[in-house]
Amino acid sequence: MTHNLIFHCEVIELSKRASKKGNMFGILEVKNNCSQTKLFLFSEDFLKFQRYGIKGGQLLIKGKAQKQKFSDNYGFR
């Protein structure tokens, strides 16, 4: 089952990190009126979206929440 989501939020922080293998990834921390969350950006997604990680910046995020295989958890893409 897939759920389309659209939400407006403010960027709190973008942390740039490297994996053990040296691959870059980022943790984008955002908040809105209701909640605060961290979005993990890997490989191509990180390279494409890192320019939007300006502290205090406003974002309109569109994506899909899908149930992960072999788990009851959901992932957002």
Protein backbone atom coordinates (compact mmCIF):
# COMPACT_ATOMS: atom_id res chain seq x y z
CA MET A 1 0.00 0.00 0.00
CA THR A 2 1.31 3.45 -0.97
CA HIS A 3 0.28 6.79 0.50
CA ASN A 4 1.06 10.10 -1.24
CA LEU A 5 2.14 12.83 1.18
CA ILE A 6 2.73 16.56 0.81
CA PHE A 7 3.84 18.74 3.71
CA HIS A 8 5.33 22.17 4.36
CA CYS A 9 8.22 22.42 6.80
CA GLU A 10 11.19 24.46 7.96
CA VAL A 11 14.77 23.17 7.79
CA ILE A 12 16.40 22.88 11.22
CA GLU A 13 19.68 21.32 10.09
CA LEU A 14 21.38 19.28 7.38
CA SER A 15 24.17 17.04 8.69
CA LYS A 16 26.58 15.73 6.08
CA ARG A 17 28.15 12.37 6.89
CA ALA A 18 30.24 9.65 5.26
CA SER A 19 29.62 5.92 5.56
CA LYS A 20 32.34 3.41 6.43
CA LYS A 21 32.88 2.91 2.71
CA GLY A 22 33.24 6.67 2.15
CA ASN A 23 29.83 7.25 0.53
CA MET A 24 28.27 10.60 1.39
CA PHE A 25 24.82 10.83 2.94
CA GLY A 26 22.86 13.44 4.83
CA ILE A 27 20.37 13.76 7.63
CA LEU A 28 17.85 16.51 6.96
CA GLU A 29 16.05 17.60 10.14
CA VAL A 30 12.78 19.44 9.51
CA LYS A 31 9.82 20.67 11.56
CA ASN A 32 6.34 22.05 11.05
CA ASN A 33 3.50 23.08 13.36
CA CYS A 34 2.74 19.48 14.35
CA SER A 35 6.00 17.59 14.52
CA GLN A 36 9.72 17.33 13.89
CA THR A 37 11.49 14.56 11.97
CA LYS A 38 14.75 13.46 10.38
CA LEU A 39 14.93 12.41 6.74
CA PHE A 40 17.92 10.34 5.65
CA LEU A 41 19.21 11.14 2.16
CA PHE A 42 21.51 8.61 0.49
CA SER A 43 23.66 8.64 -2.67
CA GLU A 44 21.90 10.35 -5.59
CA ASP A 45 19.10 11.76 -3.41
CA PHE A 46 21.69 13.42 -1.16
CA LEU A 47 23.57 14.95 -4.10
CA LYS A 48 20.34 16.19 -5.69
CA PHE A 49 18.72 17.68 -2.57
CA GLN A 50 21.62 18.88 -0.39
CA ARG A 51 21.31 22.43 -1.77
CA TYR A 52 17.89 22.75 -0.10
CA GLY A 53 19.28 22.09 3.38
CA ILE A 54 19.73 25.75 4.35
CA LYS A 55 18.90 26.35 8.01
CA GLY A 56 15.62 28.27 8.31
CA GLY A 57 14.66 27.51 4.70
CA GLN A 58 11.08 26.61 3.86
CA LEU A 59 10.37 23.38 1.96
CA LEU A 60 7.35 21.76 0.36
CA ILE A 61 8.10 18.05 0.42
CA LYS A 62 6.21 15.60 -1.79
CA GLY A 63 6.69 11.86 -1.63
CA LYS A 64 5.26 8.43 -1.02
CA ALA A 65 5.15 6.41 2.16
CA GLN A 66 5.38 2.70 1.41
CA LYS A 67 5.31 -0.31 3.65
CA GLN A 68 8.74 -1.92 3.65
CA LYS A 69 9.20 -5.51 2.59
CA PHE A 70 9.44 -8.02 5.42
CA SER A 71 8.56 -5.38 8.04
CA ASP A 72 5.62 -3.44 9.46
CA ASN A 73 7.57 -0.15 9.11
CA TYR A 74 7.05 2.48 6.43
CA GLY A 75 9.67 4.23 4.32
CA PHE A 76 9.33 7.64 2.66
CA ARG A 77 10.61 8.32 -0.84
